[in-house]
N, C-alpha and C. Protein backbone atom coordinates (compact mmCIF):
# COMPACT_ATOMS: atom_id res chain seq x y z
N MET A 1 -50.54 5.35 -22.90
CA MET A 1 -50.17 4.66 -21.22
C MET A 1 -48.90 4.60 -21.42
N VAL A 2 -48.37 3.77 -20.12
CA VAL A 2 -47.23 3.50 -19.67
C VAL A 2 -46.37 2.07 -20.17
N GLU A 3 -45.27 2.54 -20.46
CA GLU A 3 -44.72 1.34 -21.64
C GLU A 3 -42.98 1.30 -21.74
N ALA A 4 -42.57 0.41 -21.44
CA ALA A 4 -41.13 0.00 -21.04
C ALA A 4 -40.80 -0.46 -22.67
N VAL A 5 -39.90 0.28 -23.13
CA VAL A 5 -39.09 0.36 -24.24
C VAL A 5 -38.03 -0.19 -24.51
N GLU A 6 -37.44 -0.85 -25.43
CA GLU A 6 -35.87 -1.16 -25.81
C GLU A 6 -36.09 -1.09 -26.99
N LYS A 7 -34.83 -0.41 -27.37
CA LYS A 7 -33.92 0.50 -28.31
C LYS A 7 -34.98 0.92 -29.80
N ARG A 8 -36.25 1.69 -29.14
CA ARG A 8 -37.38 1.31 -30.05
C ARG A 8 -37.17 3.12 -30.53
N LYS A 9 -37.11 3.18 -32.11
CA LYS A 9 -36.98 4.25 -32.86
C LYS A 9 -38.27 5.40 -32.56
N LEU A 10 -38.09 6.69 -31.96
CA LEU A 10 -39.38 7.81 -32.10
C LEU A 10 -38.48 8.83 -32.76
N TYR A 11 -39.01 10.20 -32.59
CA TYR A 11 -39.26 11.27 -33.79
C TYR A 11 -39.93 12.11 -32.82
N GLN A 12 -38.58 13.56 -33.30
CA GLN A 12 -39.13 14.49 -32.93
C GLN A 12 -38.36 15.95 -33.57
N VAL A 13 -39.06 16.99 -33.33
CA VAL A 13 -38.50 17.84 -33.97
C VAL A 13 -37.42 18.84 -33.33
N THR A 14 -35.96 18.80 -33.76
CA THR A 14 -35.10 19.39 -32.76
C THR A 14 -35.24 20.61 -33.63
N CYS A 15 -34.79 21.43 -32.65
CA CYS A 15 -34.35 23.00 -33.00
C CYS A 15 -33.65 23.99 -31.72
N THR A 16 -32.77 24.99 -32.31
CA THR A 16 -32.53 25.39 -31.41
C THR A 16 -33.18 27.04 -31.07
N SER A 17 -33.23 27.06 -29.67
CA SER A 17 -34.47 28.76 -29.46
C SER A 17 -33.04 28.79 -27.95
N ALA A 18 -34.35 30.33 -27.73
CA ALA A 18 -34.00 30.99 -26.08
C ALA A 18 -33.35 29.77 -25.50
N TYR A 19 -34.35 28.96 -25.66
CA TYR A 19 -34.11 27.91 -24.27
C TYR A 19 -33.69 26.90 -24.29
N LYS A 20 -33.11 25.93 -25.14
CA LYS A 20 -32.43 24.95 -25.97
C LYS A 20 -31.87 25.11 -27.38
N THR A 21 -31.15 23.82 -27.60
CA THR A 21 -30.07 23.87 -28.11
C THR A 21 -30.50 22.49 -29.54
N ALA A 22 -30.48 22.47 -30.29
CA ALA A 22 -30.70 21.66 -31.22
C ALA A 22 -30.01 20.00 -30.96
N PHE A 23 -30.33 19.32 -31.66
CA PHE A 23 -29.79 18.06 -30.94
C PHE A 23 -28.55 17.70 -32.49
N THR A 24 -27.66 16.94 -32.20
CA THR A 24 -26.21 16.63 -33.12
C THR A 24 -26.60 15.48 -33.11
N LEU A 25 -26.29 14.80 -34.51
CA LEU A 25 -25.93 13.05 -35.20
C LEU A 25 -24.98 12.39 -34.02
N GLY A 26 -25.30 11.93 -33.98
CA GLY A 26 -24.84 10.95 -32.96
C GLY A 26 -24.67 10.99 -30.91
N GLN A 27 -25.48 12.57 -30.99
CA GLN A 27 -25.25 12.96 -29.49
C GLN A 27 -25.95 11.49 -28.67
N MET A 28 -25.25 11.48 -27.59
CA MET A 28 -26.50 10.41 -26.17
C MET A 28 -27.21 11.49 -25.32
N ILE A 29 -28.01 11.14 -25.13
CA ILE A 29 -29.16 11.69 -24.22
C ILE A 29 -29.09 10.99 -23.18
N ASP A 30 -29.24 11.54 -21.68
CA ASP A 30 -30.05 11.07 -21.15
C ASP A 30 -30.80 11.69 -20.00
N VAL A 31 -32.29 11.12 -19.94
CA VAL A 31 -33.23 11.53 -19.91
C VAL A 31 -34.29 11.80 -18.47
N GLY A 32 -34.44 12.20 -17.90
CA GLY A 32 -35.44 12.11 -16.57
C GLY A 32 -34.76 12.53 -15.28
N ASN A 33 -33.13 12.72 -15.04
CA ASN A 33 -32.51 13.25 -13.94
C ASN A 33 -32.66 14.51 -13.63
N GLU A 34 -32.90 15.63 -14.67
CA GLU A 34 -32.97 17.11 -14.70
C GLU A 34 -34.12 17.64 -15.58
N PRO A 35 -34.43 18.56 -14.85
CA PRO A 35 -35.82 19.24 -15.71
C PRO A 35 -35.58 19.62 -16.99
N ASN A 36 -36.35 19.03 -18.20
CA ASN A 36 -36.08 19.42 -19.62
C ASN A 36 -36.21 20.95 -19.67
N PRO A 37 -35.67 21.31 -20.96
CA PRO A 37 -35.30 23.08 -21.17
C PRO A 37 -36.70 23.35 -21.44
N PHE A 38 -37.84 22.93 -21.69
CA PHE A 38 -39.21 23.87 -21.65
C PHE A 38 -39.62 24.33 -19.81
N PHE A 39 -39.27 23.25 -19.36
CA PHE A 39 -39.60 23.62 -17.94
C PHE A 39 -38.56 24.20 -16.94
N GLN A 40 -37.36 24.03 -17.45
CA GLN A 40 -36.00 24.97 -16.58
C GLN A 40 -36.11 26.29 -17.35
N PHE A 41 -37.37 26.82 -18.49
CA PHE A 41 -37.39 28.32 -18.94
C PHE A 41 -38.10 29.12 -17.68
N TYR A 42 -39.02 28.14 -16.89
CA TYR A 42 -39.61 28.62 -15.84
C TYR A 42 -38.69 28.88 -14.46
N GLU A 43 -37.38 28.71 -14.66
CA GLU A 43 -36.65 29.14 -12.91
C GLU A 43 -35.89 30.64 -13.97
N THR A 44 -36.18 30.77 -15.13
CA THR A 44 -35.92 32.58 -15.57
C THR A 44 -37.30 33.30 -14.77
N THR A 45 -36.97 34.99 -14.86
CA THR A 45 -37.48 35.37 -14.57
C THR A 45 -37.93 36.04 -16.27
N LEU A 46 -39.74 36.26 -15.65
CA LEU A 46 -39.97 36.99 -17.01
C LEU A 46 -39.74 38.86 -17.08
N GLU A 47 -39.35 39.03 -17.95
CA GLU A 47 -38.92 41.06 -17.68
C GLU A 47 -39.31 41.61 -18.99
N TYR A 48 -39.07 42.92 -19.12
CA TYR A 48 -39.13 43.26 -19.82
C TYR A 48 -37.93 44.57 -19.69
N PRO A 49 -37.60 45.35 -20.73
CA PRO A 49 -36.26 46.44 -20.75
C PRO A 49 -37.60 47.61 -20.96
N VAL A 50 -36.78 48.86 -20.10
CA VAL A 50 -37.91 50.04 -19.94
C VAL A 50 -36.13 50.92 -19.40
N THR A 51 -36.48 52.07 -19.58
CA THR A 51 -35.73 53.41 -19.14
C THR A 51 -36.39 53.92 -17.93
N ASP A 52 -35.37 53.96 -17.58
CA ASP A 52 -35.41 55.14 -15.96
C ASP A 52 -35.77 56.47 -16.51
N GLY A 53 -36.82 57.22 -16.19
CA GLY A 53 -37.21 58.22 -16.28
C GLY A 53 -36.14 59.35 -16.34
N ALA A 54 -35.67 59.53 -14.81
CA ALA A 54 -34.73 60.36 -14.14
C ALA A 54 -33.37 60.77 -14.86
N THR A 55 -33.23 59.19 -15.27
CA THR A 55 -31.47 58.86 -15.03
C THR A 55 -31.14 58.49 -16.86
N GLY A 56 -32.28 57.88 -17.08
CA GLY A 56 -31.70 57.67 -18.53
C GLY A 56 -31.65 56.51 -18.53
N ARG A 57 -31.25 55.87 -17.34
CA ARG A 57 -30.72 54.21 -17.49
C ARG A 57 -31.31 53.39 -17.85
N PRO A 58 -31.57 52.78 -18.85
CA PRO A 58 -32.07 51.13 -19.00
C PRO A 58 -31.73 50.14 -18.30
N TYR A 59 -32.73 49.57 -17.75
CA TYR A 59 -32.66 48.59 -17.15
C TYR A 59 -33.83 47.44 -17.14
N ASN A 60 -34.13 45.97 -16.93
CA ASN A 60 -35.53 44.80 -17.11
C ASN A 60 -36.46 45.37 -15.77
N LEU A 61 -37.53 45.41 -16.03
CA LEU A 61 -38.50 45.27 -14.73
C LEU A 61 -39.39 43.83 -15.28
N ASN A 62 -39.65 43.32 -13.93
CA ASN A 62 -40.57 42.06 -13.83
C ASN A 62 -41.95 42.04 -14.30
N ALA A 63 -41.71 41.30 -15.10
CA ALA A 63 -43.41 41.38 -16.41
C ALA A 63 -44.44 42.16 -15.42
N VAL A 64 -44.46 41.45 -13.86
CA VAL A 64 -45.88 41.64 -13.62
C VAL A 64 -46.22 43.07 -13.05
N GLU A 65 -44.89 43.56 -12.59
CA GLU A 65 -44.45 44.78 -12.38
C GLU A 65 -44.52 45.77 -13.21
N TRP A 66 -44.29 45.81 -14.49
CA TRP A 66 -44.34 46.19 -15.84
C TRP A 66 -46.12 46.55 -16.00
N LEU A 67 -46.65 45.46 -15.66
CA LEU A 67 -48.25 45.77 -16.05
C LEU A 67 -48.46 46.70 -15.19
N HIS A 68 -48.08 46.45 -13.83
CA HIS A 68 -48.55 47.35 -12.96
C HIS A 68 -48.32 48.59 -13.17
N GLN A 69 -47.06 49.33 -13.47
CA GLN A 69 -46.55 50.27 -13.69
C GLN A 69 -47.55 51.03 -14.58
N VAL A 70 -47.65 50.16 -15.96
CA VAL A 70 -48.74 50.59 -16.69
C VAL A 70 -50.10 50.75 -16.43
N LYS A 71 -50.40 50.57 -15.82
CA LYS A 71 -52.09 50.53 -15.15
C LYS A 71 -51.87 51.86 -13.81
N ILE A 72 -50.95 52.15 -13.44
CA ILE A 72 -51.33 53.43 -12.63
C ILE A 72 -50.76 54.39 -13.48
N GLY A 73 -49.68 54.34 -14.96
CA GLY A 73 -49.95 55.90 -15.24
C GLY A 73 -48.36 55.64 -15.12
N VAL A 74 -47.17 54.73 -14.44
CA VAL A 74 -46.24 55.43 -14.53
C VAL A 74 -45.35 55.01 -15.77
N LEU A 75 -45.67 54.21 -16.42
CA LEU A 75 -45.06 53.95 -17.85
C LEU A 75 -46.52 53.91 -18.85
N GLN A 76 -45.98 54.28 -20.12
CA GLN A 76 -46.54 54.66 -20.66
C GLN A 76 -46.49 53.77 -22.26
N THR A 77 -47.16 52.96 -22.58
CA THR A 77 -47.04 52.45 -23.83
C THR A 77 -47.97 52.17 -25.09
N ALA A 78 -47.93 51.99 -25.92
CA ALA A 78 -49.02 51.88 -27.05
C ALA A 78 -49.81 50.46 -26.69
N PRO A 79 -51.39 50.44 -26.70
CA PRO A 79 -52.10 49.92 -27.00
C PRO A 79 -51.89 48.33 -27.64
N GLN A 80 -51.41 48.00 -28.62
CA GLN A 80 -51.14 46.71 -29.51
C GLN A 80 -50.16 46.48 -28.23
N ILE A 81 -48.82 47.38 -27.98
CA ILE A 81 -47.51 46.65 -27.06
C ILE A 81 -48.43 46.26 -25.98
N LEU A 82 -48.93 47.02 -25.24
CA LEU A 82 -49.93 46.36 -23.84
C LEU A 82 -50.42 45.07 -23.92
N ALA A 83 -50.99 44.95 -25.16
CA ALA A 83 -52.24 43.66 -25.26
C ALA A 83 -50.91 42.62 -25.70
N GLU A 84 -49.80 42.97 -26.52
CA GLU A 84 -49.33 42.04 -26.56
C GLU A 84 -48.31 41.23 -24.99
N ILE A 85 -48.19 42.23 -24.44
CA ILE A 85 -47.15 42.15 -23.28
C ILE A 85 -47.84 41.37 -22.53
N ALA A 86 -49.50 41.66 -22.42
CA ALA A 86 -50.61 40.68 -21.49
C ALA A 86 -51.07 39.67 -21.96
N TRP A 87 -51.04 39.89 -22.88
CA TRP A 87 -50.95 38.05 -23.30
C TRP A 87 -50.42 37.06 -23.26
N THR A 88 -48.50 37.56 -23.63
CA THR A 88 -48.00 36.64 -23.22
C THR A 88 -47.26 36.13 -21.90
N VAL A 89 -47.52 37.41 -20.77
CA VAL A 89 -47.84 37.10 -19.48
C VAL A 89 -49.05 36.20 -18.89
N SER A 90 -50.03 36.26 -19.23
CA SER A 90 -50.80 35.43 -19.06
C SER A 90 -50.82 33.62 -19.55
N GLN A 91 -50.18 33.74 -20.36
CA GLN A 91 -49.65 32.14 -21.10
C GLN A 91 -48.80 31.86 -20.28
N HIS A 92 -47.66 32.95 -19.96
CA HIS A 92 -46.99 32.01 -19.36
C HIS A 92 -47.05 31.70 -17.96
N TYR A 93 -47.85 32.08 -17.23
CA TYR A 93 -48.43 31.97 -15.87
C TYR A 93 -49.57 30.88 -15.62
N MET A 94 -50.31 30.74 -17.18
CA MET A 94 -51.33 30.07 -17.39
C MET A 94 -50.60 28.38 -17.52
N MET A 95 -49.69 28.29 -18.45
CA MET A 95 -48.43 27.07 -19.01
C MET A 95 -48.30 27.14 -17.66
N LEU A 96 -47.84 27.52 -16.75
CA LEU A 96 -46.94 27.17 -15.57
C LEU A 96 -47.84 26.77 -14.30
N ALA A 97 -49.07 26.82 -14.38
CA ALA A 97 -50.16 26.81 -13.40
C ALA A 97 -50.12 25.11 -14.00
N ARG A 98 -50.47 25.38 -15.06
CA ARG A 98 -50.97 24.33 -15.87
C ARG A 98 -50.27 22.96 -15.71
N GLU A 99 -48.89 23.15 -15.31
CA GLU A 99 -47.87 21.74 -15.63
C GLU A 99 -47.57 21.46 -13.95
N LEU A 100 -47.66 22.81 -13.01
CA LEU A 100 -47.67 21.98 -11.62
C LEU A 100 -48.36 21.21 -11.58
N LEU A 101 -50.11 21.54 -11.68
CA LEU A 101 -51.36 20.84 -11.76
C LEU A 101 -51.02 19.59 -12.51
N MET A 102 -50.27 19.15 -13.79
CA MET A 102 -50.47 17.95 -14.48
C MET A 102 -49.56 17.20 -13.57
N GLU A 103 -48.64 18.02 -12.87
CA GLU A 103 -47.51 17.17 -11.96
C GLU A 103 -47.62 16.64 -10.80
N GLN A 104 -48.48 17.42 -9.90
CA GLN A 104 -49.59 17.03 -9.04
C GLN A 104 -50.34 15.80 -9.33
N ILE A 105 -51.04 15.74 -10.03
CA ILE A 105 -52.34 14.63 -10.64
C ILE A 105 -51.28 13.58 -10.96
N ARG A 106 -50.21 13.22 -11.55
CA ARG A 106 -49.29 12.55 -11.90
C ARG A 106 -48.65 11.53 -10.73
N VAL A 107 -48.33 12.72 -9.84
CA VAL A 107 -47.75 11.91 -8.58
C VAL A 107 -48.98 11.39 -7.48
N GLU A 108 -49.94 12.10 -7.43
CA GLU A 108 -50.89 11.70 -6.44
C GLU A 108 -51.48 10.43 -6.63
N ASP A 109 -52.64 10.66 -8.48
CA ASP A 109 -53.28 9.89 -8.78
C ASP A 109 -52.75 8.38 -9.79
N PHE A 110 -51.30 8.54 -9.70
CA PHE A 110 -50.93 7.99 -10.96
C PHE A 110 -49.61 6.96 -10.31
N ASN A 111 -49.29 7.76 -8.80
CA ASN A 111 -47.82 7.00 -8.25
C ASN A 111 -46.85 7.38 -9.08
N SER A 112 -46.66 8.30 -9.78
CA SER A 112 -45.50 8.88 -10.39
C SER A 112 -44.96 7.71 -11.55
N SER A 113 -46.08 7.17 -11.95
CA SER A 113 -45.77 5.94 -12.91
C SER A 113 -45.44 6.83 -14.27
N PRO A 114 -46.42 7.33 -15.13
CA PRO A 114 -45.56 8.03 -16.44
C PRO A 114 -44.65 8.76 -16.14
N PRO A 115 -44.14 8.94 -17.07
CA PRO A 115 -42.96 10.10 -17.06
C PRO A 115 -43.31 11.25 -16.73
N SER A 116 -42.53 12.29 -16.37
CA SER A 116 -42.88 13.33 -15.65
C SER A 116 -42.65 14.10 -16.83
N ARG A 117 -43.51 15.10 -16.94
CA ARG A 117 -43.54 16.24 -18.10
C ARG A 117 -42.76 17.38 -17.80
N GLN A 118 -42.28 17.42 -16.87
CA GLN A 118 -41.34 18.80 -16.56
C GLN A 118 -39.54 17.96 -16.28
N ARG A 119 -39.55 16.55 -16.73
CA ARG A 119 -38.55 16.15 -16.80
C ARG A 119 -37.84 15.07 -18.28
N CYS A 120 -38.80 14.99 -18.72
CA CYS A 120 -39.20 14.17 -20.06
C CYS A 120 -38.60 14.58 -21.27
N LEU A 121 -38.53 13.77 -22.58
CA LEU A 121 -38.60 14.30 -23.66
C LEU A 121 -39.65 13.99 -24.76
N TYR A 122 -40.18 15.43 -25.15
CA TYR A 122 -41.53 14.72 -26.10
C TYR A 122 -41.07 14.32 -27.35
N LEU A 123 -41.70 13.43 -27.77
CA LEU A 123 -41.37 12.71 -28.93
C LEU A 123 -42.75 12.05 -29.64
N SER A 124 -42.48 12.10 -31.03
CA SER A 124 -43.59 11.31 -31.96
C SER A 124 -43.28 10.08 -32.47
N ASP A 125 -44.10 8.91 -32.46
CA ASP A 125 -44.39 7.77 -32.72
C ASP A 125 -44.20 7.50 -34.13
N THR A 126 -44.03 8.44 -34.78
CA THR A 126 -44.02 8.66 -36.83
C THR A 126 -43.04 10.03 -36.87
N ILE A 127 -42.62 9.47 -38.07
CA ILE A 127 -42.15 10.74 -38.97
C ILE A 127 -43.11 12.12 -38.90
N GLU A 128 -44.19 11.26 -39.31
CA GLU A 128 -45.37 12.05 -40.24
C GLU A 128 -45.85 13.13 -39.13
N GLU A 129 -45.92 12.14 -37.94
CA GLU A 129 -46.17 12.89 -36.49
C GLU A 129 -45.71 14.08 -36.01
N ALA A 130 -44.47 13.41 -36.06
CA ALA A 130 -43.27 14.97 -35.72
C ALA A 130 -43.34 16.07 -36.36
N ARG A 131 -43.62 15.91 -37.97
CA ARG A 131 -43.76 16.71 -39.13
C ARG A 131 -44.94 17.66 -38.65
N THR A 132 -46.21 17.36 -38.04
CA THR A 132 -46.78 18.24 -37.48
C THR A 132 -46.80 18.98 -36.48
N TRP A 133 -45.70 18.75 -35.86
CA TRP A 133 -45.13 19.87 -34.63
C TRP A 133 -44.26 20.80 -35.21
N LEU A 134 -43.68 20.80 -36.62
CA LEU A 134 -43.24 21.86 -37.44
C LEU A 134 -43.25 23.19 -37.05
N PRO A 135 -44.75 23.17 -37.53
CA PRO A 135 -45.15 24.94 -37.57
C PRO A 135 -45.84 25.29 -36.14
N LEU A 136 -45.79 24.66 -35.31
CA LEU A 136 -45.88 25.37 -33.91
C LEU A 136 -44.67 25.37 -33.03
N LEU A 137 -43.56 24.88 -33.61
CA LEU A 137 -42.57 25.67 -33.18
C LEU A 137 -41.88 26.29 -34.21
N GLY A 138 -42.10 26.85 -34.71
CA GLY A 138 -41.65 28.10 -35.51
C GLY A 138 -41.58 27.51 -36.88
N GLY A 139 -41.48 26.45 -37.40
CA GLY A 139 -41.32 25.91 -38.40
C GLY A 139 -39.48 25.84 -39.35
N ASN A 140 -38.64 26.52 -38.06
CA ASN A 140 -37.42 26.09 -38.47
C ASN A 140 -36.29 24.85 -37.87
N GLY A 141 -37.48 23.88 -37.18
CA GLY A 141 -36.54 23.00 -37.02
C GLY A 141 -36.46 21.63 -37.97
N ALA A 142 -35.80 20.55 -37.27
CA ALA A 142 -35.52 19.53 -38.31
C ALA A 142 -36.00 18.09 -37.20
N VAL A 143 -36.74 17.55 -38.46
CA VAL A 143 -36.95 15.95 -37.18
C VAL A 143 -35.59 15.18 -37.37
N CYS A 144 -35.65 14.53 -36.18
CA CYS A 144 -34.87 13.82 -36.24
C CYS A 144 -35.07 11.94 -35.33
N GLU A 145 -34.48 11.25 -35.54
CA GLU A 145 -34.93 9.83 -35.04
C GLU A 145 -33.93 9.59 -33.94
N LEU A 146 -34.30 8.98 -32.74
CA LEU A 146 -33.67 8.67 -31.61
C LEU A 146 -34.18 7.74 -31.29
N THR A 147 -32.96 6.61 -31.18
CA THR A 147 -33.27 5.24 -31.01
C THR A 147 -33.13 5.07 -29.60
N ARG A 148 -33.93 4.61 -28.54
CA ARG A 148 -34.13 4.62 -27.21
C ARG A 148 -34.67 3.45 -26.42
N THR A 149 -34.13 3.82 -25.55
CA THR A 149 -34.43 2.57 -24.08
C THR A 149 -34.60 3.16 -22.98
N GLY A 150 -36.15 2.77 -22.48
CA GLY A 150 -36.51 3.39 -21.20
C GLY A 150 -37.84 3.39 -21.15
N VAL A 151 -38.64 3.95 -20.86
CA VAL A 151 -40.17 4.28 -20.67
C VAL A 151 -41.20 5.68 -21.22
N ILE A 152 -42.18 5.01 -21.82
CA ILE A 152 -43.10 6.24 -22.39
C ILE A 152 -44.08 5.90 -22.21
N HIS A 153 -44.92 7.45 -22.29
CA HIS A 153 -46.24 7.18 -22.03
C HIS A 153 -46.83 8.19 -23.47
N ARG A 154 -47.90 7.45 -24.00
CA ARG A 154 -48.50 8.21 -24.95
C ARG A 154 -49.72 8.71 -24.64
N ALA A 155 -49.83 10.11 -24.92
CA ALA A 155 -50.83 10.79 -24.28
C ALA A 155 -51.37 12.47 -25.76
N ASP A 156 -52.54 12.50 -25.10
CA ASP A 156 -53.04 13.55 -25.83
C ASP A 156 -52.93 14.74 -25.60
N SER A 157 -52.27 15.58 -26.12
CA SER A 157 -52.19 16.71 -25.88
C SER A 157 -53.31 17.75 -25.95
N ARG A 158 -54.37 17.69 -26.60
CA ARG A 158 -55.45 18.68 -26.48
C ARG A 158 -55.89 18.23 -25.15
N GLN A 159 -55.42 17.39 -24.21
CA GLN A 159 -56.64 17.41 -23.41
C GLN A 159 -55.82 18.16 -22.08
N MET A 160 -55.04 19.08 -22.34
CA MET A 160 -54.35 20.22 -21.66
C MET A 160 -54.78 21.48 -21.24
N VAL A 161 -55.05 21.91 -20.52
CA VAL A 161 -55.72 23.47 -20.58
C VAL A 161 -55.14 24.31 -21.63
N ILE A 162 -55.79 25.23 -22.57
CA ILE A 162 -55.07 26.56 -23.05
C ILE A 162 -55.63 27.27 -23.03
N LEU A 163 -57.06 27.51 -22.06
CA LEU A 163 -57.61 28.64 -22.18
C LEU A 163 -58.46 28.93 -20.68
N SER A 164 -58.96 29.60 -20.30
CA SER A 164 -59.35 29.95 -19.11
C SER A 164 -60.35 28.68 -19.15
N GLU A 165 -60.41 28.07 -17.33
CA GLU A 165 -61.52 27.58 -17.65
C GLU A 165 -62.00 27.12 -16.26
N PRO A 166 -63.19 26.29 -15.51
CA PRO A 166 -63.09 25.95 -14.17
C PRO A 166 -61.98 24.85 -13.91
N LEU A 167 -61.63 25.09 -12.45
CA LEU A 167 -60.20 24.54 -12.04
C LEU A 167 -60.64 22.70 -12.46
N GLN A 168 -61.73 22.54 -11.84
CA GLN A 168 -62.60 20.90 -12.43
C GLN A 168 -62.18 20.25 -13.58
N VAL A 169 -62.45 21.38 -14.29
CA VAL A 169 -62.24 20.79 -15.65
C VAL A 169 -60.90 20.43 -16.23
N THR A 170 -60.17 21.55 -15.51
CA THR A 170 -58.86 21.52 -15.88
C THR A 170 -57.99 20.22 -15.65
N ARG A 171 -58.34 20.03 -13.80
CA ARG A 171 -58.02 18.20 -13.38
C ARG A 171 -58.64 17.29 -14.10
N ASP A 172 -60.21 17.26 -14.55
CA ASP A 172 -60.29 16.29 -15.19
C ASP A 172 -59.78 16.05 -16.41
N LYS A 173 -59.27 17.21 -17.58
CA LYS A 173 -58.18 16.81 -18.49
C LYS A 173 -57.05 16.37 -18.53
N ALA A 174 -56.59 16.58 -17.13
CA ALA A 174 -55.40 16.23 -16.59
C ALA A 174 -55.22 14.47 -16.05
N LYS A 175 -56.22 14.33 -15.61
CA LYS A 175 -56.29 12.69 -15.27
C LYS A 175 -56.79 12.13 -16.58
N ALA A 176 -57.50 12.60 -17.71
CA ALA A 176 -57.76 11.97 -18.81
C ALA A 176 -56.16 11.92 -19.60
N TYR A 177 -55.59 12.66 -19.34
CA TYR A 177 -54.16 12.85 -20.00
C TYR A 177 -53.39 11.92 -19.51
N TRP A 178 -53.40 11.83 -18.39
CA TRP A 178 -52.49 10.92 -17.53
C TRP A 178 -52.91 9.14 -18.06
N GLN A 179 -54.33 9.05 -17.99
CA GLN A 179 -54.79 7.95 -18.53
C GLN A 179 -55.26 7.81 -19.79
N GLY A 180 -54.43 8.27 -21.01
CA GLY A 180 -53.99 8.14 -22.09
C GLY A 180 -55.66 8.07 -23.44
N LYS A 181 -56.14 8.92 -22.52
CA LYS A 181 -57.64 9.19 -23.04
C LYS A 181 -57.55 9.93 -24.49
N VAL A 182 -58.19 9.77 -25.25
CA VAL A 182 -58.05 10.34 -26.78
C VAL A 182 -59.34 11.45 -27.34
N SER A 183 -59.05 12.39 -27.52
CA SER A 183 -60.28 13.25 -27.56
C SER A 183 -60.69 13.00 -28.97
N ALA A 184 -61.32 13.77 -28.92
CA ALA A 184 -62.65 14.00 -30.61
C ALA A 184 -61.39 14.18 -32.03
N ASP A 185 -60.42 15.50 -31.56
CA ASP A 185 -59.60 15.72 -32.25
C ASP A 185 -57.99 15.58 -31.60
N PRO A 186 -57.29 14.29 -31.71
CA PRO A 186 -56.19 14.60 -31.21
C PRO A 186 -55.14 15.13 -31.78
N ARG A 187 -54.10 15.58 -30.93
CA ARG A 187 -52.87 15.97 -31.24
C ARG A 187 -51.40 14.87 -30.05
N MET A 188 -51.20 14.11 -30.42
CA MET A 188 -50.41 12.72 -29.32
C MET A 188 -49.30 13.45 -29.80
N GLU A 189 -48.73 13.09 -28.13
CA GLU A 189 -47.41 13.01 -27.84
C GLU A 189 -46.88 11.93 -27.44
N THR A 190 -45.29 11.64 -27.30
CA THR A 190 -45.15 10.59 -26.67
C THR A 190 -44.27 11.02 -25.31
N LEU A 191 -44.19 11.04 -24.23
CA LEU A 191 -43.14 11.56 -23.12
C LEU A 191 -42.55 10.44 -23.02
N PHE A 192 -41.08 10.55 -22.79
CA PHE A 192 -40.11 9.98 -22.93
C PHE A 192 -38.65 9.68 -21.76
N THR A 193 -38.70 8.78 -21.25
CA THR A 193 -37.31 9.12 -19.94
C THR A 193 -36.67 7.90 -20.55
N GLY A 194 -35.59 8.11 -20.14
CA GLY A 194 -34.13 6.84 -20.34
C GLY A 194 -32.98 7.36 -21.10
N LYS A 195 -32.16 6.45 -21.70
CA LYS A 195 -31.33 7.11 -22.47
C LYS A 195 -31.61 6.83 -23.82
N ALA A 196 -30.89 7.75 -24.75
CA ALA A 196 -31.14 7.50 -26.22
C ALA A 196 -30.34 8.02 -26.87
N GLU A 197 -29.82 7.66 -28.09
CA GLU A 197 -28.94 8.57 -29.26
C GLU A 197 -29.36 8.51 -30.31
N VAL A 198 -28.70 9.97 -30.95
CA VAL A 198 -29.61 10.35 -32.17
C VAL A 198 -29.19 10.20 -33.12
N THR A 199 -29.63 9.00 -34.23
CA THR A 199 -29.35 8.05 -35.08
C THR A 199 -29.45 8.47 -36.67
N SER A 200 -30.35 10.27 -36.48
CA SER A 200 -30.87 9.94 -37.74
C SER A 200 -31.27 11.94 -37.66
N ILE A 201 -30.97 12.76 -39.10
CA ILE A 201 -31.59 14.44 -38.72
C ILE A 201 -31.39 14.53 -39.72
N GLY A 202 -32.74 15.37 -40.21
CA GLY A 202 -33.17 15.68 -41.31
C GLY A 202 -34.16 14.98 -42.15
N LEU A 203 -34.83 14.29 -41.16
CA LEU A 203 -35.67 13.26 -42.12
C LEU A 203 -37.19 13.79 -42.78
């Protein structure tokens, strides 16, 4: 649930990826005013490189249009490549729809009280909990300690949709997430907004 914290030590797996840069020791962070790197990713266009058959010119094609051109036979590709791109595109838009719905319910049903998933920093309460996220983030990150003052919301990430399901089921899960309800096999995360300092790296 929502809680105000002052100089609380919390933990995160920090790493550099296509859409964010790893934290550095002593870095000061102000969280909550701008979209976080996770959600900023959706400000980009999902595209794939193709080659113009007439001119030989390479260019990037919108992912949905890429799938459409494969469907109508304009583009040819191997079945495994098609399956991989179709899965990536479906995950991209499923997660975007999920995050938009999560935010709608946070605002409408919870008076915008919990930190927004779109503007928060995702944290863990303990070093051990943070380490459980390492394999999910590629395994090349480092656990860091952040000393924070602000607002947190503790939630079970397993309450969010990961597969196709009825919309009402997704809504019910979203409400359970914002209520802080815990599933039978929880994977906990702590959402934070406020000010923080990176006080240790490599834990």
